[in-house]
Amino acid sequence: MTVLVGTSGWQYRDWRDVLYPAGCPQRRWLEEYTRRFATVESNNAFYRLPAPEQFAAWRDRTPPGFVMALKASRYLTHIKRLRDPEEPVRRLMDHAGALGDRLGPVLLQLPPTLPADPALLDACLGCFPSGTRVAVEPRHPSWWTDEVREVLRRRGAALCWADAGSRPAGPLWRTAGWGYLRFHGGRASPPPRYGRQALATWARRVGDTWPAGADVYAYFNNDPGGAAVRDAAVFARAVAGLGREATRTPDG
């Protein structure tokens, strides 16, 4: 099992002196990030889909083996609410294809006001090209049903394990041969940091669920004050302490 550990985004000004040296210009932050991490979850496409040329530029600025996960457009998830998914999915994948082998999973984060609709989800997942890794993060409690679980399993989509307040935000289903985990903010001080025990517990959950050879993507979304950077490093060490492989993270 390889756990690919990164953060949700890299363009945070308060990461100066945490991840980025004081003299590092902002235009070089991605290169500096890739020196310290092997993966990132980009939410650029969620707000506004970048042009293929932008994705190609990110490909050229990142080293071989680097993985960029993408949060799908809010037009698909929050405005269309999964209806008529063909065009927005096709456009996303056409643009993101310029990442080449840097392209990782696509995350569908559903709005908390969207109740379960297994048929809509099934149709949306069916629009992605074969072989695309898609993770789904539902946020309405009605999604936790056997029917939804079966849609995910049949489509090979991963249920996104989400943490909020150092607790699972939903069931910990394994619906694919790979996994996806997001950390939204812990309960340690200073907030939104995670405590070592909470991160060690998540590392054990991951290790107990996925076998050797499986990829698990873990992204820290608690960016204020560089908390994501520090917690990602602690989590990676917890994974390694269980005898599992974790990708590179900063020393601290």
C-alpha atoms as a PDB file:
ATOM      1  CA  MET A   1       0.000   0.000   0.000  1.00  0.00           C
ATOM      2  CA  THR A   2       1.280   3.441  -0.933  1.00  0.00           C
ATOM      3  CA  VAL A   3      -0.270   6.447   0.791  1.00  0.00           C
ATOM      4  CA  LEU A   4       0.141   9.564  -1.332  1.00  0.00           C
ATOM      5  CA  VAL A   5       0.128  12.439   1.149  1.00  0.00           C
ATOM      6  CA  GLY A   6      -0.387  16.081   0.201  1.00  0.00           C
ATOM      7  CA  THR A   7      -2.446  19.188   0.788  1.00  0.00           C
ATOM      8  CA  SER A   8      -5.545  20.712  -0.777  1.00  0.00           C
ATOM      9  CA  GLY A   9      -3.906  23.469  -2.785  1.00  0.00           C
ATOM     10  CA  TRP A  10      -0.491  25.119  -2.563  1.00  0.00           C
ATOM     11  CA  GLN A  11      -1.092  28.845  -3.068  1.00  0.00           C
ATOM     12  CA  TYR A  12      -1.377  30.079   0.511  1.00  0.00           C
ATOM     13  CA  ARG A  13       0.454  33.223   1.550  1.00  0.00           C
ATOM     14  CA  ASP A  14       0.625  32.218   5.201  1.00  0.00           C
ATOM     15  CA  TRP A  15       2.738  29.224   4.208  1.00  0.00           C
ATOM     16  CA  ARG A  16       5.751  31.509   3.889  1.00  0.00           C
ATOM     17  CA  ASP A  17       8.378  30.369   6.379  1.00  0.00           C
ATOM     18  CA  VAL A  18       6.358  27.171   6.860  1.00  0.00           C
ATOM     19  CA  LEU A  19       6.749  25.549   3.446  1.00  0.00           C
ATOM     20  CA  TYR A  20       8.122  28.355   1.291  1.00  0.00           C
ATOM     21  CA  PRO A  21      11.400  30.095   2.162  1.00  0.00           C
ATOM     22  CA  ALA A  22      11.080  33.833   2.659  1.00  0.00           C
ATOM     23  CA  GLY A  23      12.985  34.563  -0.525  1.00  0.00           C
ATOM     24  CA  CYS A  24      11.007  32.167  -2.738  1.00  0.00           C
ATOM     25  CA  PRO A  25       8.845  34.163  -5.207  1.00  0.00           C
ATOM     26  CA  GLN A  26       5.210  33.139  -5.494  1.00  0.00           C
ATOM     27  CA  ARG A  27       5.687  32.145  -9.137  1.00  0.00           C
ATOM     28  CA  ARG A  28       8.012  29.372  -7.908  1.00  0.00           C
ATOM     29  CA  TRP A  29       5.760  28.013  -5.155  1.00  0.00           C
ATOM     30  CA  LEU A  30       4.572  25.031  -7.179  1.00  0.00           C
ATOM     31  CA  GLU A  31       8.147  23.955  -7.878  1.00  0.00           C
ATOM     32  CA  GLU A  32       9.003  24.321  -4.193  1.00  0.00           C
ATOM     33  CA  TYR A  33       5.866  22.407  -3.221  1.00  0.00           C
ATOM     34  CA  THR A  34       6.769  19.498  -5.516  1.00  0.00           C
ATOM     35  CA  ARG A  35      10.210  19.316  -3.932  1.00  0.00           C
ATOM     36  CA  ARG A  36       8.555  18.619  -0.580  1.00  0.00           C
ATOM     37  CA  PHE A  37       5.411  16.713  -1.611  1.00  0.00           C
ATOM     38  CA  ALA A  38       4.647  14.149  -4.333  1.00  0.00           C
ATOM     39  CA  THR A  39       0.952  15.010  -4.747  1.00  0.00           C
ATOM     40  CA  VAL A  40      -1.525  17.863  -4.426  1.00  0.00           C
ATOM     41  CA  GLU A  41      -5.286  18.225  -4.612  1.00  0.00           C
ATOM     42  CA  SER A  42      -6.117  21.198  -6.832  1.00  0.00           C
ATOM     43  CA  ASN A  43      -9.400  23.032  -6.348  1.00  0.00           C
ATOM     44  CA  ASN A  44      -8.798  25.492  -9.205  1.00  0.00           C
ATOM     45  CA  ALA A  45     -11.229  23.630 -11.461  1.00  0.00           C
ATOM     46  CA  PHE A  46     -13.926  23.788  -8.777  1.00  0.00           C
ATOM     47  CA  TYR A  47     -14.161  27.567  -9.076  1.00  0.00           C
ATOM     48  CA  ARG A  48     -13.167  28.069 -12.714  1.00  0.00           C
ATOM     49  CA  LEU A  49     -11.963  25.417 -15.117  1.00  0.00           C
ATOM     50  CA  PRO A  50      -8.429  26.246 -16.265  1.00  0.00           C
ATOM     51  CA  ALA A  51      -7.617  26.176 -19.962  1.00  0.00           C
ATOM     52  CA  PRO A  52      -5.760  23.148 -21.322  1.00  0.00           C
ATOM     53  CA  GLU A  53      -2.680  25.361 -21.596  1.00  0.00           C
ATOM     54  CA  GLN A  54      -2.717  25.911 -17.832  1.00  0.00           C
ATOM     55  CA  PHE A  55      -2.906  22.189 -17.159  1.00  0.00           C
ATOM     56  CA  ALA A  56      -0.043  21.658 -19.624  1.00  0.00           C
ATOM     57  CA  ALA A  57       2.003  24.289 -17.781  1.00  0.00           C
ATOM     58  CA  TRP A  58       1.451  22.489 -14.480  1.00  0.00           C
ATOM     59  CA  ARG A  59       2.568  19.269 -16.144  1.00  0.00           C
ATOM     60  CA  ASP A  60       5.745  20.910 -17.332  1.00  0.00           C
ATOM     61  CA  ARG A  61       6.456  22.474 -13.916  1.00  0.00           C
ATOM     62  CA  THR A  62       6.092  19.243 -11.955  1.00  0.00           C
ATOM     63  CA  PRO A  63       8.525  16.313 -11.847  1.00  0.00           C
ATOM     64  CA  PRO A  64       7.889  12.816 -13.209  1.00  0.00           C
ATOM     65  CA  GLY A  65       5.767  10.805 -10.797  1.00  0.00           C
ATOM     66  CA  PHE A  66       4.007  13.849  -9.330  1.00  0.00           C
ATOM     67  CA  VAL A  67       0.225  13.401  -8.999  1.00  0.00           C
ATOM     68  CA  MET A  68      -2.380  16.177  -9.176  1.00  0.00           C
ATOM     69  CA  ALA A  69      -5.878  15.273  -8.010  1.00  0.00           C
ATOM     70  CA  LEU A  70      -8.674  17.559  -9.203  1.00  0.00           C
ATOM     71  CA  LYS A  71     -11.778  18.774  -7.441  1.00  0.00           C
ATOM     72  CA  ALA A  72     -14.511  18.756 -10.093  1.00  0.00           C
ATOM     73  CA  SER A  73     -16.317  21.931 -11.109  1.00  0.00           C
ATOM     74  CA  ARG A  74     -18.994  23.313  -8.824  1.00  0.00           C
ATOM     75  CA  TYR A  75     -21.019  23.827 -12.009  1.00  0.00           C
ATOM     76  CA  LEU A  76     -21.424  20.046 -12.123  1.00  0.00           C
ATOM     77  CA  THR A  77     -21.812  19.377  -8.403  1.00  0.00           C
ATOM     78  CA  HIS A  78     -23.411  22.511  -6.941  1.00  0.00           C
ATOM     79  CA  ILE A  79     -25.220  24.249  -9.805  1.00  0.00           C
ATOM     80  CA  LYS A  80     -26.340  21.327 -11.976  1.00  0.00           C
ATOM     81  CA  ARG A  81     -26.405  19.100  -8.871  1.00  0.00           C
ATOM     82  CA  LEU A  82     -25.250  16.118 -10.992  1.00  0.00           C
ATOM     83  CA  ARG A  83     -27.961  16.631 -13.636  1.00  0.00           C
ATOM     84  CA  ASP A  84     -26.960  16.539 -17.321  1.00  0.00           C
ATOM     85  CA  PRO A  85     -23.373  15.554 -16.480  1.00  0.00           C
ATOM     86  CA  GLU A  86     -22.156  14.645 -19.975  1.00  0.00           C
ATOM     87  CA  GLU A  87     -20.928  18.064 -21.128  1.00  0.00           C
ATOM     88  CA  PRO A  88     -19.276  19.284 -17.896  1.00  0.00           C
ATOM     89  CA  VAL A  89     -17.533  15.933 -17.364  1.00  0.00           C
ATOM     90  CA  ARG A  90     -16.317  15.853 -20.968  1.00  0.00           C
ATOM     91  CA  ARG A  91     -15.058  19.432 -20.761  1.00  0.00           C
ATOM     92  CA  LEU A  92     -13.240  18.775 -17.473  1.00  0.00           C
ATOM     93  CA  MET A  93     -11.508  15.684 -18.793  1.00  0.00           C
ATOM     94  CA  ASP A  94     -10.680  17.289 -22.156  1.00  0.00           C
ATOM     95  CA  HIS A  95      -8.938  20.162 -20.375  1.00  0.00           C
ATOM     96  CA  ALA A  96      -7.334  18.087 -17.631  1.00  0.00           C
ATOM     97  CA  GLY A  97      -5.996  15.614 -20.171  1.00  0.00           C
ATOM     98  CA  ALA A  98      -3.193  18.111 -20.781  1.00  0.00           C
ATOM     99  CA  LEU A  99      -1.750  17.045 -17.422  1.00  0.00           C
ATOM    100  CA  GLY A 100      -0.783  13.757 -19.040  1.00  0.00           C
ATOM    101  CA  ASP A 101       0.586  11.250 -16.558  1.00  0.00           C
ATOM    102  CA  ARG A 102       0.419  13.827 -13.747  1.00  0.00           C
ATOM    103  CA  LEU A 103      -3.393  13.508 -13.658  1.00  0.00           C
ATOM    104  CA  GLY A 104      -4.644  11.726 -10.557  1.00  0.00           C
ATOM    105  CA  PRO A 105      -8.145  11.141  -9.198  1.00  0.00           C
ATOM    106  CA  VAL A 106     -11.112  13.453  -9.689  1.00  0.00           C
ATOM    107  CA  LEU A 107     -13.066  14.412  -6.563  1.00  0.00           C
ATOM    108  CA  LEU A 108     -16.812  14.974  -6.665  1.00  0.00           C
ATOM    109  CA  GLN A 109     -17.591  16.895  -3.496  1.00  0.00           C
ATOM    110  CA  LEU A 110     -21.379  17.046  -3.255  1.00  0.00           C
ATOM    111  CA  PRO A 111     -23.149  19.996  -1.634  1.00  0.00           C
ATOM    112  CA  PRO A 112     -24.533  19.402   1.864  1.00  0.00           C
ATOM    113  CA  THR A 113     -28.018  20.348   0.586  1.00  0.00           C
ATOM    114  CA  LEU A 114     -28.053  17.593  -2.062  1.00  0.00           C
ATOM    115  CA  PRO A 115     -29.964  14.533  -0.803  1.00  0.00           C
ATOM    116  CA  ALA A 116     -29.190  11.082  -2.087  1.00  0.00           C
ATOM    117  CA  ASP A 117     -30.036  10.218  -5.664  1.00  0.00           C
ATOM    118  CA  PRO A 118     -28.253   6.994  -6.608  1.00  0.00           C
ATOM    119  CA  ALA A 119     -29.467   7.127 -10.220  1.00  0.00           C
ATOM    120  CA  LEU A 120     -28.047  10.622 -10.752  1.00  0.00           C
ATOM    121  CA  LEU A 121     -24.744   9.580  -9.220  1.00  0.00           C
ATOM    122  CA  ASP A 122     -24.596   6.451 -11.338  1.00  0.00           C
ATOM    123  CA  ALA A 123     -25.230   8.420 -14.531  1.00  0.00           C
ATOM    124  CA  CYS A 124     -22.575  10.980 -13.619  1.00  0.00           C
ATOM    125  CA  LEU A 125     -19.945   8.359 -12.835  1.00  0.00           C
ATOM    126  CA  GLY A 126     -20.748   6.653 -16.126  1.00  0.00           C
ATOM    127  CA  CYS A 127     -19.704   9.781 -18.039  1.00  0.00           C
ATOM    128  CA  PHE A 128     -16.061   9.573 -16.966  1.00  0.00           C
ATOM    129  CA  PRO A 129     -13.639   7.841 -19.322  1.00  0.00           C
ATOM    130  CA  SER A 130     -12.821   4.253 -18.460  1.00  0.00           C
ATOM    131  CA  GLY A 131      -9.931   4.054 -16.051  1.00  0.00           C
ATOM    132  CA  THR A 132     -10.551   7.464 -14.451  1.00  0.00           C
ATOM    133  CA  ARG A 133     -10.325   7.311 -10.689  1.00  0.00           C
ATOM    134  CA  VAL A 134     -13.286   9.199  -9.226  1.00  0.00           C
ATOM    135  CA  ALA A 135     -13.801   9.803  -5.510  1.00  0.00           C
ATOM    136  CA  VAL A 136     -17.177  10.933  -4.156  1.00  0.00           C
ATOM    137  CA  GLU A 137     -17.618  12.995  -0.981  1.00  0.00           C
ATOM    138  CA  PRO A 138     -21.338  13.130  -0.081  1.00  0.00           C
ATOM    139  CA  ARG A 139     -22.285  15.582   2.651  1.00  0.00           C
ATOM    140  CA  HIS A 140     -25.985  14.868   3.198  1.00  0.00           C
ATOM    141  CA  PRO A 141     -26.744  11.994   5.599  1.00  0.00           C
ATOM    142  CA  SER A 142     -29.270  10.413   3.237  1.00  0.00           C
ATOM    143  CA  TRP A 143     -26.405   9.100   1.084  1.00  0.00           C
ATOM    144  CA  TRP A 144     -25.420   6.401   3.585  1.00  0.00           C
ATOM    145  CA  THR A 145     -27.423   3.540   2.082  1.00  0.00           C
ATOM    146  CA  ASP A 146     -26.640   0.141   0.601  1.00  0.00           C
ATOM    147  CA  GLU A 147     -27.880   1.320  -2.787  1.00  0.00           C
ATOM    148  CA  VAL A 148     -25.391   4.195  -2.885  1.00  0.00           C
ATOM    149  CA  ARG A 149     -22.624   1.913  -1.699  1.00  0.00           C
ATOM    150  CA  GLU A 150     -23.399  -0.509  -4.534  1.00  0.00           C
ATOM    151  CA  VAL A 151     -23.324   2.275  -7.151  1.00  0.00           C
ATOM    152  CA  LEU A 152     -19.874   3.293  -5.977  1.00  0.00           C
ATOM    153  CA  ARG A 153     -18.634  -0.294  -5.867  1.00  0.00           C
ATOM    154  CA  ARG A 154     -19.982  -1.144  -9.303  1.00  0.00           C
ATOM    155  CA  ARG A 155     -18.462   1.974 -10.874  1.00  0.00           C
ATOM    156  CA  GLY A 156     -15.117   1.473  -9.122  1.00  0.00           C
ATOM    157  CA  ALA A 157     -15.477   4.880  -7.458  1.00  0.00           C
ATOM    158  CA  ALA A 158     -14.009   5.471  -4.018  1.00  0.00           C
ATOM    159  CA  LEU A 159     -16.090   6.822  -1.180  1.00  0.00           C
ATOM    160  CA  CYS A 160     -14.066   9.759   0.099  1.00  0.00           C
ATOM    161  CA  TRP A 161     -13.305   9.269   3.763  1.00  0.00           C
ATOM    162  CA  ALA A 162     -13.658  12.715   5.297  1.00  0.00           C
ATOM    163  CA  ASP A 163     -12.558  13.893   8.723  1.00  0.00           C
ATOM    164  CA  ALA A 164     -14.143  16.866  10.435  1.00  0.00           C
ATOM    165  CA  GLY A 165     -13.159  17.717  13.987  1.00  0.00           C
ATOM    166  CA  SER A 166     -10.950  14.616  14.268  1.00  0.00           C
ATOM    167  CA  ARG A 167     -13.924  12.335  13.623  1.00  0.00           C
ATOM    168  CA  PRO A 168     -15.198  10.502  10.530  1.00  0.00           C
ATOM    169  CA  ALA A 169     -17.860  12.543   8.729  1.00  0.00           C
ATOM    170  CA  GLY A 170     -19.513   9.401   7.362  1.00  0.00           C
ATOM    171  CA  PRO A 171     -19.164   5.643   7.114  1.00  0.00           C
ATOM    172  CA  LEU A 172     -15.776   4.164   6.288  1.00  0.00           C
ATOM    173  CA  TRP A 173     -16.770   2.068   3.285  1.00  0.00           C
ATOM    174  CA  ARG A 174     -14.169   0.580   0.980  1.00  0.00           C
ATOM    175  CA  THR A 175     -15.835   0.708  -2.434  1.00  0.00           C
ATOM    176  CA  ALA A 176     -12.796   0.516  -4.731  1.00  0.00           C
ATOM    177  CA  GLY A 177      -9.331  -0.972  -4.887  1.00  0.00           C
ATOM    178  CA  TRP A 178      -7.921   2.440  -3.964  1.00  0.00           C
ATOM    179  CA  GLY A 179      -8.842   5.040  -1.369  1.00  0.00           C
ATOM    180  CA  TYR A 180      -9.241   8.785  -0.879  1.00  0.00           C
ATOM    181  CA  LEU A 181      -9.095  10.650   2.438  1.00  0.00           C
ATOM    182  CA  ARG A 182      -9.594  14.342   3.234  1.00  0.00           C
ATOM    183  CA  PHE A 183      -8.786  16.137   6.496  1.00  0.00           C
ATOM    184  CA  HIS A 184     -10.884  19.272   6.991  1.00  0.00           C
ATOM    185  CA  GLY A 185      -9.674  20.370  10.428  1.00  0.00           C
ATOM    186  CA  GLY A 186      -8.776  18.853  13.761  1.00  0.00           C
ATOM    187  CA  ARG A 187      -9.368  19.692  17.401  1.00  0.00           C
ATOM    188  CA  ALA A 188      -5.801  20.226  18.548  1.00  0.00           C
ATOM    189  CA  SER A 189      -4.238  23.544  19.472  1.00  0.00           C
ATOM    190  CA  PRO A 190      -3.683  25.802  17.686  1.00  0.00           C
ATOM    191  CA  PRO A 191      -6.713  25.129  15.462  1.00  0.00           C
ATOM    192  CA  PRO A 192      -7.173  23.704  12.913  1.00  0.00           C
ATOM    193  CA  ARG A 193      -4.288  21.349  13.802  1.00  0.00           C
ATOM    194  CA  TYR A 194      -4.683  17.618  14.382  1.00  0.00           C
ATOM    195  CA  GLY A 195      -3.342  15.789  17.386  1.00  0.00           C
ATOM    196  CA  ARG A 196      -0.860  12.973  16.934  1.00  0.00           C
ATOM    197  CA  GLN A 197      -3.286  10.421  18.330  1.00  0.00           C
ATOM    198  CA  ALA A 198      -6.020  11.393  15.861  1.00  0.00           C
ATOM    199  CA  LEU A 199      -3.619  11.075  12.930  1.00  0.00           C
ATOM    200  CA  ALA A 200      -2.264   7.769  14.222  1.00  0.00           C
ATOM    201  CA  THR A 201      -5.834   6.449  14.413  1.00  0.00           C
ATOM    202  CA  TRP A 202      -6.450   7.423  10.773  1.00  0.00           C
ATOM    203  CA  ALA A 203      -3.190   5.783   9.730  1.00  0.00           C
ATOM    204  CA  ARG A 204      -4.321   2.534  11.380  1.00  0.00           C
ATOM    205  CA  ARG A 205      -7.731   2.724   9.689  1.00  0.00           C
ATOM    206  CA  VAL A 206      -6.070   3.102   6.312  1.00  0.00           C
ATOM    207  CA  GLY A 207      -3.597   0.300   6.985  1.00  0.00           C
ATOM    208  CA  ASP A 208      -6.330  -2.047   8.208  1.00  0.00           C
ATOM    209  CA  THR A 209      -8.540  -1.392   5.171  1.00  0.00           C
ATOM    210  CA  TRP A 210      -6.268  -1.456   2.139  1.00  0.00           C
ATOM    211  CA  PRO A 211      -3.761  -4.188   1.286  1.00  0.00           C
ATOM    212  CA  ALA A 212      -0.234  -3.834  -0.018  1.00  0.00           C
ATOM    213  CA  GLY A 213      -0.264  -2.568  -3.585  1.00  0.00           C
ATOM    214  CA  ALA A 214      -3.288  -0.306  -3.152  1.00  0.00           C
ATOM    215  CA  ASP A 215      -3.015   3.458  -3.591  1.00  0.00           C
ATOM    216  CA  VAL A 216      -4.583   5.704  -0.974  1.00  0.00           C
ATOM    217  CA  TYR A 217      -4.633   9.475  -1.520  1.00  0.00           C
ATOM    218  CA  ALA A 218      -4.684  11.648   1.614  1.00  0.00           C
ATOM    219  CA  TYR A 219      -5.074  15.420   1.463  1.00  0.00           C
ATOM    220  CA  PHE A 220      -5.077  17.989   4.248  1.00  0.00           C
ATOM    221  CA  ASN A 221      -7.557  20.815   3.743  1.00  0.00           C
ATOM    222  CA  ASN A 222      -6.795  22.618   7.028  1.00  0.00           C
ATOM    223  CA  ASP A 223      -4.551  25.191   5.376  1.00  0.00           C
ATOM    224  CA  PRO A 224      -4.634  28.183   7.829  1.00  0.00           C
ATOM    225  CA  GLY A 225      -1.292  28.870   9.422  1.00  0.00           C
ATOM    226  CA  GLY A 226       0.362  25.996   7.603  1.00  0.00           C
ATOM    227  CA  ALA A 227      -1.500  23.411   9.682  1.00  0.00           C
ATOM    228  CA  ALA A 228      -1.976  21.218   6.601  1.00  0.00           C
ATOM    229  CA  VAL A 229       1.758  21.102   5.922  1.00  0.00           C
ATOM    230  CA  ARG A 230       2.675  20.126   9.461  1.00  0.00           C
ATOM    231  CA  ASP A 231      -0.140  17.602   9.881  1.00  0.00           C
ATOM    232  CA  ALA A 232       0.611  15.937   6.554  1.00  0.00           C
ATOM    233  CA  ALA A 233       4.165  15.279   7.741  1.00  0.00           C
ATOM    234  CA  VAL A 234       2.951  13.809  11.045  1.00  0.00           C
ATOM    235  CA  PHE A 235       0.423  11.601   9.274  1.00  0.00           C
ATOM    236  CA  ALA A 236       3.041  10.326   6.812  1.00  0.00           C
ATOM    237  CA  ARG A 237       5.309   9.377   9.698  1.00  0.00           C
ATOM    238  CA  ALA A 238       2.418   7.526  11.368  1.00  0.00           C
ATOM    239  CA  VAL A 239       1.827   5.572   8.159  1.00  0.00           C
ATOM    240  CA  ALA A 240       5.515   4.729   7.862  1.00  0.00           C
ATOM    241  CA  GLY A 241       5.542   3.652  11.500  1.00  0.00           C
ATOM    242  CA  LEU A 242       3.063   0.918  10.592  1.00  0.00           C
ATOM    243  CA  GLY A 243       5.457  -0.427   7.978  1.00  0.00           C
ATOM    244  CA  ARG A 244       3.513   1.100   5.093  1.00  0.00           C
ATOM    245  CA  GLU A 245       4.886   3.349   2.374  1.00  0.00           C
ATOM    246  CA  ALA A 246       4.092   7.064   2.371  1.00  0.00           C
ATOM    247  CA  THR A 247       5.239   9.604  -0.189  1.00  0.00           C
ATOM    248  CA  ARG A 248       7.601  12.436   0.708  1.00  0.00           C
ATOM    249  CA  THR A 249       6.561  15.204   3.073  1.00  0.00           C
ATOM    250  CA  PRO A 250       8.472  18.043   4.765  1.00  0.00           C
ATOM    251  CA  ASP A 251      10.566  17.005   7.755  1.00  0.00           C
ATOM    252  CA  GLY A 252       8.487  19.068  10.171  1.00  0.00           C
END
